[in-house]
Every structure is written in C-alpha cells, then in structure tokens.
PDB file of N, CA and C in Angstrom:
ATOM      1  N   UNK A   1     -49.705  55.901  26.964  1.00  0.00           N
ATOM      2  CA  UNK A   1     -50.090  57.273  26.855  1.00  0.00           C
ATOM      3  C   UNK A   1     -48.833  57.147  28.035  1.00  0.00           C
ATOM      4  N   UNK A   2     -47.803  57.653  27.520  1.00  0.00           N
ATOM      5  CA  UNK A   2     -46.713  57.855  28.415  1.00  0.00           C
ATOM      6  C   UNK A   2     -46.871  58.953  29.592  1.00  0.00           C
ATOM      7  N   UNK A   3     -47.483  60.151  28.976  1.00  0.00           N
ATOM      8  CA  UNK A   3     -47.670  61.435  30.340  1.00  0.00           C
ATOM      9  C   UNK A   3     -48.066  60.916  31.679  1.00  0.00           C
ATOM     10  N   UNK A   4     -49.601  60.580  31.411  1.00  0.00           N
ATOM     11  CA  UNK A   4     -49.859  60.126  33.091  1.00  0.00           C
ATOM     12  C   UNK A   4     -48.921  59.127  33.614  1.00  0.00           C
ATOM     13  N   UNK A   5     -48.324  58.405  33.136  1.00  0.00           N
ATOM     14  CA  UNK A   5     -46.872  57.472  34.044  1.00  0.00           C
ATOM     15  C   UNK A   5     -46.022  58.123  34.518  1.00  0.00           C
ATOM     16  N   UNK A   6     -45.564  59.241  33.343  1.00  0.00           N
ATOM     17  CA  UNK A   6     -44.440  60.313  34.197  1.00  0.00           C
ATOM     18  C   UNK A   6     -44.680  61.012  35.290  1.00  0.00           C
ATOM     19  N   UNK A   7     -46.159  61.734  35.086  1.00  0.00           N
ATOM     20  CA  UNK A   7     -46.567  62.381  36.304  1.00  0.00           C
ATOM     21  C   UNK A   7     -46.289  61.448  37.392  1.00  0.00           C
ATOM     22  N   UNK A   8     -47.179  60.319  37.405  1.00  0.00           N
ATOM     23  CA  UNK A   8     -47.295  59.391  38.614  1.00  0.00           C
ATOM     24  C   UNK A   8     -45.715  59.224  39.123  1.00  0.00           C
ATOM     25  N   UNK A   9     -45.223  58.625  38.098  1.00  0.00           N
ATOM     26  CA  UNK A   9     -43.799  58.370  39.196  1.00  0.00           C
ATOM     27  C   UNK A   9     -42.956  59.166  39.432  1.00  0.00           C
ATOM     28  N   UNK A  10     -43.039  60.525  39.198  1.00  0.00           N
ATOM     29  CA  UNK A  10     -41.908  61.436  39.643  1.00  0.00           C
ATOM     30  C   UNK A  10     -41.315  62.290  38.426  1.00  0.00           C
ATOM     31  N   UNK A  11     -41.079  61.175  37.313  1.00  0.00           N
ATOM     32  CA  UNK A  11     -40.005  61.419  36.119  1.00  0.00           C
ATOM     33  C   UNK A  11     -40.247  62.434  35.453  1.00  0.00           C
ATOM     34  N   UNK A  12     -41.547  63.507  35.532  1.00  0.00           N
ATOM     35  CA  UNK A  12     -41.549  64.709  35.480  1.00  0.00           C
ATOM     36  C   UNK A  12     -40.764  65.863  35.838  1.00  0.00           C
ATOM     37  N   UNK A  13     -40.676  65.056  37.248  1.00  0.00           N
ATOM     38  CA  UNK A  13     -39.895  66.642  38.594  1.00  0.00           C
ATOM     39  C   UNK A  13     -38.239  66.488  37.557  1.00  0.00           C
ATOM     40  N   UNK A  14     -37.806  65.132  37.980  1.00  0.00           N
ATOM     41  CA  UNK A  14     -36.590  64.696  37.217  1.00  0.00           C
ATOM     42  C   UNK A  14     -36.349  65.318  35.521  1.00  0.00           C
ATOM     43  N   UNK A  15     -36.853  65.177  34.953  1.00  0.00           N
ATOM     44  CA  UNK A  15     -37.155  65.065  33.415  1.00  0.00           C
ATOM     45  C   UNK A  15     -36.443  66.636  33.327  1.00  0.00           C
ATOM     46  N   UNK A  16     -37.306  67.438  33.876  1.00  0.00           N
ATOM     47  CA  UNK A  16     -37.731  68.754  33.294  1.00  0.00           C
ATOM     48  C   UNK A  16     -36.759  69.559  34.687  1.00  0.00           C
ATOM     49  N   UNK A  17     -35.967  69.370  35.693  1.00  0.00           N
ATOM     50  CA  UNK A  17     -35.673  69.895  36.399  1.00  0.00           C
ATOM     51  C   UNK A  17     -34.595  71.128  35.779  1.00  0.00           C
ATOM     52  N   UNK A  18     -34.643  72.258  36.588  1.00  0.00           N
ATOM     53  CA  UNK A  18     -33.856  73.613  36.207  1.00  0.00           C
ATOM     54  C   UNK A  18     -34.615  74.230  35.076  1.00  0.00           C
ATOM     55  N   UNK A  19     -35.592  73.927  34.811  1.00  0.00           N
ATOM     56  CA  UNK A  19     -36.332  74.808  33.598  1.00  0.00           C
ATOM     57  C   UNK A  19     -36.708  75.622  34.090  1.00  0.00           C
ATOM     58  N   UNK A  20     -36.508  77.239  33.645  1.00  0.00           N
ATOM     59  CA  UNK A  20     -36.488  78.259  33.824  1.00  0.00           C
ATOM     60  C   UNK A  20     -38.089  78.837  33.760  1.00  0.00           C
ATOM     61  N   UNK A  21     -38.722  78.126  32.837  1.00  0.00           N
ATOM     62  CA  UNK A  21     -39.966  78.729  32.045  1.00  0.00           C
ATOM     63  C   UNK A  21     -40.569  78.059  31.014  1.00  0.00           C
ATOM     64  N   UNK A  22     -41.472  77.771  30.994  1.00  0.00           N
ATOM     65  CA  UNK A  22     -42.296  76.753  30.168  1.00  0.00           C
ATOM     66  C   UNK A  22     -43.154  77.718  29.538  1.00  0.00           C
ATOM     67  N   UNK A  23     -43.494  77.112  28.264  1.00  0.00           N
ATOM     68  CA  UNK A  23     -44.591  77.506  27.383  1.00  0.00           C
ATOM     69  C   UNK A  23     -45.318  76.455  26.396  1.00  0.00           C
ATOM     70  N   UNK A  24     -46.666  75.890  27.139  1.00  0.00           N
ATOM     71  CA  UNK A  24     -47.206  74.991  26.037  1.00  0.00           C
ATOM     72  C   UNK A  24     -48.518  75.415  25.381  1.00  0.00           C
ATOM     73  N   UNK A  25     -48.367  75.046  23.839  1.00  0.00           N
ATOM     74  CA  UNK A  25     -49.515  75.488  23.057  1.00  0.00           C
ATOM     75  C   UNK A  25     -50.332  73.731  22.721  1.00  0.00           C
ATOM     76  N   UNK A  26     -51.718  74.001  23.217  1.00  0.00           N
ATOM     77  CA  UNK A  26     -52.363  72.697  22.633  1.00  0.00           C
ATOM     78  C   UNK A  26     -53.901  72.278  22.360  1.00  0.00           C
ATOM     79  N   UNK A  27     -54.121  71.555  21.406  1.00  0.00           N
ATOM     80  CA  UNK A  27     -55.374  71.825  20.736  1.00  0.00           C
ATOM     81  C   UNK A  27     -55.990  70.886  21.589  1.00  0.00           C
ATOM     82  N   UNK A  28     -57.336  71.437  21.580  1.00  0.00           N
ATOM     83  CA  UNK A  28     -58.961  70.652  22.552  1.00  0.00           C
ATOM     84  C   UNK A  28     -59.207  69.395  21.551  1.00  0.00           C
ATOM     85  N   UNK A  29     -58.826  69.515  20.175  1.00  0.00           N
ATOM     86  CA  UNK A  29     -58.772  68.484  19.662  1.00  0.00           C
ATOM     87  C   UNK A  29     -58.430  67.749  19.214  1.00  0.00           C
ATOM     88  N   UNK A  30     -57.247  67.535  19.943  1.00  0.00           N
ATOM     89  CA  UNK A  30     -55.562  66.649  19.876  1.00  0.00           C
ATOM     90  C   UNK A  30     -56.181  65.184  19.987  1.00  0.00           C
ATOM     91  N   UNK A  31     -55.981  64.363  18.653  1.00  0.00           N
ATOM     92  CA  UNK A  31     -56.645  63.156  18.675  1.00  0.00           C
ATOM     93  C   UNK A  31     -55.377  61.930  18.802  1.00  0.00           C
ATOM     94  N   UNK A  32     -54.188  62.539  19.240  1.00  0.00           N
ATOM     95  CA  UNK A  32     -53.053  61.809  19.519  1.00  0.00           C
ATOM     96  C   UNK A  32     -52.548  62.070  21.155  1.00  0.00           C
ATOM     97  N   UNK A  33     -52.663  63.295  21.565  1.00  0.00           N
ATOM     98  CA  UNK A  33     -52.117  63.467  22.851  1.00  0.00           C
ATOM     99  C   UNK A  33     -53.439  63.894  23.681  1.00  0.00           C
ATOM    100  N   UNK A  34     -53.973  63.281  24.737  1.00  0.00           N
ATOM    101  CA  UNK A  34     -55.156  63.765  25.458  1.00  0.00           C
ATOM    102  C   UNK A  34     -55.005  64.960  25.759  1.00  0.00           C
ATOM    103  N   UNK A  35     -55.641  65.997  26.022  1.00  0.00           N
ATOM    104  CA  UNK A  35     -55.986  67.345  26.761  1.00  0.00           C
ATOM    105  C   UNK A  35     -55.677  67.085  28.277  1.00  0.00           C
ATOM    106  N   UNK A  36     -56.415  66.121  28.695  1.00  0.00           N
ATOM    107  CA  UNK A  36     -55.789  65.849  30.050  1.00  0.00           C
ATOM    108  C   UNK A  36     -54.754  65.474  30.441  1.00  0.00           C
ATOM    109  N   UNK A  37     -53.693  64.729  29.705  1.00  0.00           N
ATOM    110  CA  UNK A  37     -52.691  64.002  30.184  1.00  0.00           C
ATOM    111  C   UNK A  37     -51.992  64.964  29.897  1.00  0.00           C
ATOM    112  N   UNK A  38     -52.007  66.471  29.474  1.00  0.00           N
ATOM    113  CA  UNK A  38     -50.960  67.814  29.016  1.00  0.00           C
ATOM    114  C   UNK A  38     -51.403  68.528  30.374  1.00  0.00           C
ATOM    115  N   UNK A  39     -52.982  68.652  30.863  1.00  0.00           N
ATOM    116  CA  UNK A  39     -52.427  69.144  31.574  1.00  0.00           C
ATOM    117  C   UNK A  39     -52.076  68.952  33.348  1.00  0.00           C
ATOM    118  N   UNK A  40     -52.383  67.117  33.603  1.00  0.00           N
ATOM    119  CA  UNK A  40     -51.501  67.129  34.565  1.00  0.00           C
ATOM    120  C   UNK A  40     -50.251  67.159  34.323  1.00  0.00           C
ATOM    121  N   UNK A  41     -49.258  66.768  33.173  1.00  0.00           N
ATOM    122  CA  UNK A  41     -48.243  67.057  33.170  1.00  0.00           C
ATOM    123  C   UNK A  41     -47.802  68.562  33.612  1.00  0.00           C
ATOM    124  N   UNK A  42     -48.519  69.426  33.016  1.00  0.00           N
ATOM    125  CA  UNK A  42     -47.676  70.820  32.618  1.00  0.00           C
ATOM    126  C   UNK A  42     -48.177  70.989  34.250  1.00  0.00           C
ATOM    127  N   UNK A  43     -48.978  70.584  35.145  1.00  0.00           N
ATOM    128  CA  UNK A  43     -49.033  71.236  36.687  1.00  0.00           C
ATOM    129  C   UNK A  43     -47.786  70.404  37.421  1.00  0.00           C
ATOM    130  N   UNK A  44     -47.226  69.514  37.058  1.00  0.00           N
ATOM    131  CA  UNK A  44     -46.100  68.722  37.645  1.00  0.00           C
ATOM    132  C   UNK A  44     -44.670  68.987  37.226  1.00  0.00           C
ATOM    133  N   UNK A  45     -44.717  69.681  36.540  1.00  0.00           N
ATOM    134  CA  UNK A  45     -43.304  70.531  35.760  1.00  0.00           C
ATOM    135  C   UNK A  45     -42.988  71.804  36.803  1.00  0.00           C
ATOM    136  N   UNK A  46     -42.074  71.674  37.564  1.00  0.00           N
ATOM    137  CA  UNK A  46     -41.705  72.568  38.242  1.00  0.00           C
ATOM    138  C   UNK A  46     -40.728  72.989  37.433  1.00  0.00           C
ATOM    139  N   UNK A  47     -40.444  74.584  38.007  1.00  0.00           N
ATOM    140  CA  UNK A  47     -39.711  75.583  37.564  1.00  0.00           C
ATOM    141  C   UNK A  47     -38.727  75.917  38.472  1.00  0.00           C
ATOM    142  N   UNK A  48     -37.368  75.897  37.874  1.00  0.00           N
ATOM    143  CA  UNK A  48     -36.464  76.476  38.491  1.00  0.00           C
ATOM    144  C   UNK A  48     -36.097  77.926  39.741  1.00  0.00           C
ATOM    145  N   UNK A  49     -37.306  78.727  38.968  1.00  0.00           N
ATOM    146  CA  UNK A  49     -36.972  80.352  39.938  1.00  0.00           C
ATOM    147  C   UNK A  49     -38.458  80.551  40.137  1.00  0.00           C
ATOM    148  N   UNK A  50     -38.682  81.148  40.990  1.00  0.00           N
ATOM    149  CA  UNK A  50     -39.830  82.205  41.200  1.00  0.00           C
ATOM    150  C   UNK A  50     -40.400  83.351  40.462  1.00  0.00           C
ATOM    151  N   UNK A  51     -39.350  83.454  39.399  1.00  0.00           N
ATOM    152  CA  UNK A  51     -39.858  84.613  38.782  1.00  0.00           C
ATOM    153  C   UNK A  51     -39.927  83.709  37.223  1.00  0.00           C
ATOM    154  N   UNK A  52     -39.854  82.478  37.092  1.00  0.00           N
ATOM    155  CA  UNK A  52     -40.275  81.817  35.996  1.00  0.00           C
ATOM    156  C   UNK A  52     -41.696  81.847  35.108  1.00  0.00           C
ATOM    157  N   UNK A  53     -42.047  81.636  34.229  1.00  0.00           N
ATOM    158  CA  UNK A  53     -43.470  81.982  33.665  1.00  0.00           C
ATOM    159  C   UNK A  53     -43.751  80.509  33.254  1.00  0.00           C
ATOM    160  N   UNK A  54     -44.913  80.042  33.347  1.00  0.00           N
ATOM    161  CA  UNK A  54     -45.753  78.704  33.414  1.00  0.00           C
ATOM    162  C   UNK A  54     -46.765  79.638  32.542  1.00  0.00           C
ATOM    163  N   UNK A  55     -47.063  78.524  31.510  1.00  0.00           N
ATOM    164  CA  UNK A  55     -48.170  79.098  30.488  1.00  0.00           C
ATOM    165  C   UNK A  55     -49.024  78.187  29.486  1.00  0.00           C
ATOM    166  N   UNK A  56     -50.177  77.705  29.650  1.00  0.00           N
ATOM    167  CA  UNK A  56     -50.688  76.836  28.679  1.00  0.00           C
ATOM    168  C   UNK A  56     -51.653  77.343  28.279  1.00  0.00           C
ATOM    169  N   UNK A  57     -51.752  77.329  26.912  1.00  0.00           N
ATOM    170  CA  UNK A  57     -52.620  77.748  25.933  1.00  0.00           C
ATOM    171  C   UNK A  57     -53.722  76.430  25.521  1.00  0.00           C
ATOM    172  N   UNK A  58     -54.666  76.675  25.427  1.00  0.00           N
ATOM    173  CA  UNK A  58     -55.593  75.832  24.466  1.00  0.00           C
ATOM    174  C   UNK A  58     -56.201  75.865  23.543  1.00  0.00           C
ATOM    175  N   UNK A  59     -55.733  75.886  22.711  1.00  0.00           N
ATOM    176  CA  UNK A  59     -56.238  76.221  21.210  1.00  0.00           C
ATOM    177  C   UNK A  59     -57.795  75.356  20.534  1.00  0.00           C
ATOM    178  N   UNK A  60     -59.141  76.304  20.641  1.00  0.00           N
ATOM    179  CA  UNK A  60     -60.140  75.793  20.732  1.00  0.00           C
ATOM    180  C   UNK A  60     -60.201  75.276  19.027  1.00  0.00           C
ATOM    181  N   UNK A  61     -60.774  73.867  18.718  1.00  0.00           N
ATOM    182  CA  UNK A  61     -60.717  73.310  17.480  1.00  0.00           C
ATOM    183  C   UNK A  61     -59.565  73.074  16.635  1.00  0.00           C
ATOM    184  N   UNK A  62     -58.116  72.964  17.662  1.00  0.00           N
ATOM    185  CA  UNK A  62     -57.328  72.791  16.757  1.00  0.00           C
ATOM    186  C   UNK A  62     -56.905  71.099  17.451  1.00  0.00           C
ATOM    187  N   UNK A  63     -56.254  70.390  16.259  1.00  0.00           N
ATOM    188  CA  UNK A  63     -55.548  69.150  16.437  1.00  0.00           C
ATOM    189  C   UNK A  63     -54.293  69.061  16.712  1.00  0.00           C
ATOM    190  N   UNK A  64     -53.539  68.261  16.682  1.00  0.00           N
ATOM    191  CA  UNK A  64     -52.313  67.443  16.763  1.00  0.00           C
ATOM    192  C   UNK A  64     -51.498  68.469  16.026  1.00  0.00           C
ATOM    193  N   UNK A  65     -51.776  68.697  14.847  1.00  0.00           N
ATOM    194  CA  UNK A  65     -50.900  69.032  13.831  1.00  0.00           C
ATOM    195  C   UNK A  65     -51.179  71.131  13.833  1.00  0.00           C
ATOM    196  N   UNK A  66     -51.688  71.661  14.887  1.00  0.00           N
ATOM    197  CA  UNK A  66     -52.525  72.667  14.302  1.00  0.00           C
ATOM    198  C   UNK A  66     -51.632  73.368  13.461  1.00  0.00           C
ATOM    199  N   UNK A  67     -50.418  73.730  14.027  1.00  0.00           N
ATOM    200  CA  UNK A  67     -49.501  74.591  13.558  1.00  0.00           C
ATOM    201  C   UNK A  67     -49.545  74.666  11.944  1.00  0.00           C
ATOM    202  N   UNK A  68     -50.117  73.578  11.354  1.00  0.00           N
ATOM    203  CA  UNK A  68     -49.945  73.387   9.889  1.00  0.00           C
ATOM    204  C   UNK A  68     -51.476  73.262   9.731  1.00  0.00           C
ATOM    205  N   UNK A  69     -52.200  73.218  10.377  1.00  0.00           N
ATOM    206  CA  UNK A  69     -54.074  73.725  10.077  1.00  0.00           C
ATOM    207  C   UNK A  69     -54.240  74.936   9.916  1.00  0.00           C
ATOM    208  N   UNK A  70     -55.166  75.379   9.367  1.00  0.00           N
ATOM    209  CA  UNK A  70     -55.616  76.356   8.785  1.00  0.00           C
ATOM    210  C   UNK A  70     -57.223  76.378   9.401  1.00  0.00           C
ATOM    211  N   UNK A  71     -57.125  77.604  10.564  1.00  0.00           N
ATOM    212  CA  UNK A  71     -58.526  77.389  11.624  1.00  0.00           C
ATOM    213  C   UNK A  71     -59.600  78.623  10.791  1.00  0.00           C
ATOM    214  N   UNK A  72     -60.242  78.045   9.711  1.00  0.00           N
ATOM    215  CA  UNK A  72     -60.701  79.404   8.636  1.00  0.00           C
ATOM    216  C   UNK A  72     -62.006  79.635   9.125  1.00  0.00           C
ATOM    217  N   UNK A  73     -62.894  78.734   9.925  1.00  0.00           N
ATOM    218  CA  UNK A  73     -64.188  79.150  10.353  1.00  0.00           C
ATOM    219  C   UNK A  73     -64.377  80.211  11.464  1.00  0.00           C
ATOM    220  N   UNK A  74     -63.192  81.086  11.658  1.00  0.00           N
ATOM    221  CA  UNK A  74     -63.382  82.216  12.598  1.00  0.00           C
ATOM    222  C   UNK A  74     -62.193  83.103  12.633  1.00  0.00           C
ATOM    223  N   UNK A  75     -62.308  83.920  11.881  1.00  0.00           N
ATOM    224  CA  UNK A  75     -60.413  84.718  11.088  1.00  0.00           C
ATOM    225  C   UNK A  75     -60.275  85.619  12.544  1.00  0.00           C
ATOM    226  N   UNK A  76     -61.119  85.924  13.580  1.00  0.00           N
ATOM    227  CA  UNK A  76     -61.016  86.562  15.149  1.00  0.00           C
ATOM    228  C   UNK A  76     -59.585  85.573  15.700  1.00  0.00           C
ATOM    229  N   UNK A  77     -59.976  84.510  15.543  1.00  0.00           N
ATOM    230  CA  UNK A  77     -59.073  83.422  16.308  1.00  0.00           C
ATOM    231  C   UNK A  77     -57.677  83.913  16.438  1.00  0.00           C
ATOM    232  N   UNK A  78     -56.927  83.570  18.034  1.00  0.00           N
ATOM    233  CA  UNK A  78     -55.771  84.153  17.924  1.00  0.00           C
ATOM    234  C   UNK A  78     -54.935  82.948  17.120  1.00  0.00           C
ATOM    235  N   UNK A  79     -53.802  83.057  16.525  1.00  0.00           N
ATOM    236  CA  UNK A  79     -53.423  82.038  16.203  1.00  0.00           C
ATOM    237  C   UNK A  79     -51.830  81.312  17.305  1.00  0.00           C
ATOM    238  N   UNK A  80     -51.590  80.219  16.824  1.00  0.00           N
ATOM    239  CA  UNK A  80     -50.434  79.593  17.657  1.00  0.00           C
ATOM    240  C   UNK A  80     -49.521  80.997  17.730  1.00  0.00           C
ATOM    241  N   UNK A  81     -48.955  81.238  16.582  1.00  0.00           N
ATOM    242  CA  UNK A  81     -47.996  82.445  16.893  1.00  0.00           C
ATOM    243  C   UNK A  81     -48.367  83.574  17.641  1.00  0.00           C
ATOM    244  N   UNK A  82     -49.427  83.831  17.771  1.00  0.00           N
ATOM    245  CA  UNK A  82     -50.174  85.112  18.447  1.00  0.00           C
ATOM    246  C   UNK A  82     -49.981  84.766  20.321  1.00  0.00           C
ATOM    247  N   UNK A  83     -50.339  83.798  20.237  1.00  0.00           N
ATOM    248  CA  UNK A  83     -50.358  83.310  21.595  1.00  0.00           C
ATOM    249  C   UNK A  83     -48.729  83.333  22.436  1.00  0.00           C
ATOM    250  N   UNK A  84     -48.270  82.449  21.543  1.00  0.00           N
ATOM    251  CA  UNK A  84     -46.395  82.415  21.363  1.00  0.00           C
ATOM    252  C   UNK A  84     -45.540  83.945  22.012  1.00  0.00           C
ATOM    253  N   UNK A  85     -46.426  84.290  20.839  1.00  0.00           N
ATOM    254  CA  UNK A  85     -45.306  86.062  21.279  1.00  0.00           C
ATOM    255  C   UNK A  85     -45.553  86.928  22.604  1.00  0.00           C
ATOM    256  N   UNK A  86     -47.224  86.913  22.819  1.00  0.00           N
ATOM    257  CA  UNK A  86     -47.520  86.904  24.078  1.00  0.00           C
ATOM    258  C   UNK A  86     -46.611  86.337  25.072  1.00  0.00           C
ATOM    259  N   UNK A  87     -46.619  85.283  25.160  1.00  0.00           N
ATOM    260  CA  UNK A  87     -46.077  84.861  26.153  1.00  0.00           C
ATOM    261  C   UNK A  87     -44.510  85.289  26.268  1.00  0.00           C
ATOM    262  N   UNK A  88     -44.017  85.158  25.193  1.00  0.00           N
ATOM    263  CA  UNK A  88     -42.496  85.883  25.139  1.00  0.00           C
ATOM    264  C   UNK A  88     -42.544  87.091  25.413  1.00  0.00           C
ATOM    265  N   UNK A  89     -43.402  88.013  25.230  1.00  0.00           N
ATOM    266  CA  UNK A  89     -43.573  89.375  25.450  1.00  0.00           C
ATOM    267  C   UNK A  89     -43.264  89.596  27.183  1.00  0.00           C
ATOM    268  N   UNK A  90     -44.220  88.860  27.581  1.00  0.00           N
ATOM    269  CA  UNK A  90     -44.662  88.788  29.070  1.00  0.00           C
ATOM    270  C   UNK A  90     -43.419  88.317  30.117  1.00  0.00           C
ATOM    271  N   UNK A  91     -42.429  87.511  29.119  1.00  0.00           N
ATOM    272  CA  UNK A  91     -40.953  86.903  30.058  1.00  0.00           C
ATOM    273  C   UNK A  91     -40.068  88.347  29.729  1.00  0.00           C
ATOM    274  N   UNK A  92     -40.078  88.565  28.592  1.00  0.00           N
ATOM    275  CA  UNK A  92     -39.364  89.415  28.291  1.00  0.00           C
ATOM    276  C   UNK A  92     -39.686  91.025  29.354  1.00  0.00           C
ATOM    277  N   UNK A  93     -40.505  91.088  29.607  1.00  0.00           N
ATOM    278  CA  UNK A  93     -41.216  92.601  30.650  1.00  0.00           C
ATOM    279  C   UNK A  93     -40.329  92.107  31.954  1.00  0.00           C
ATOM    280  N   UNK A  94     -40.548  90.545  32.412  1.00  0.00           N
ATOM    281  CA  UNK A  94     -40.306  90.310  33.258  1.00  0.00           C
ATOM    282  C   UNK A  94     -38.807  90.418  33.490  1.00  0.00           C
ATOM    283  N   UNK A  95     -37.868  90.215  32.696  1.00  0.00           N
ATOM    284  CA  UNK A  95     -36.567  90.084  32.897  1.00  0.00           C
ATOM    285  C   UNK A  95     -35.737  91.961  33.042  1.00  0.00           C
ATOM    286  N   UNK A  96     -36.947  92.732  32.960  1.00  0.00           N
ATOM    287  CA  UNK A  96     -36.299  94.529  32.724  1.00  0.00           C
ATOM    288  C   UNK A  96     -37.153  94.571  33.646  1.00  0.00           C
ATOM    289  N   UNK A  97     -37.440  94.129  34.654  1.00  0.00           N
ATOM    290  CA  UNK A  97     -38.565  94.608  36.117  1.00  0.00           C
ATOM    291  C   UNK A  97     -37.483  95.023  37.116  1.00  0.00           C
TER     292      UNK A  97
END
C-alpha cells in the first residue's frame, strides 16, 4: 500500500506541490484502496493558495469502481457527479468573490 509510505516520507508534499485545489471522491467499501490511507493522504496534501479548496467526499456503499456501479438501494443518494458539481460550483463562486 503506497499511500501511507508517501505520507510518512513527505513525498506527498513534493508530488502535490503547487496544487491550487483538490477534490477527492472515495467509496467507503473500496476493496483496493483503504479509506484510512486516503484520509491520511488527503490531510497531508498542501495547497498552493489560501483560497484553494480541498474537499473529500466519501460515498457510502460505493466500492473502487463507483463511477460504474449503480447504487440502486436508495434513489435519494447523491451521485459522484452531484458531489463533483457542488465542488466545482463552490470553486467557481470563490473565483468571482
């Protein structure tokens, strides 16, 4: 599992240096990338600007390929695209403030 090693080594800061904003979608049932690894990685990523926006959204019941999964059990759940558009809307509003 490479994510914790990158966080511990400080490689995240070097690799992500200069990133203005960050949006991450993660499924809580991801069988490939452990949720805690993503949480640790996300917390370690620096942004290049105080105006930058960091957002991590965990989709309940979603696995690694959630863009291709159909979460049928609850039609009221937000889709990955709903979360993405909310994030982009927030970033756009900041640009015009």
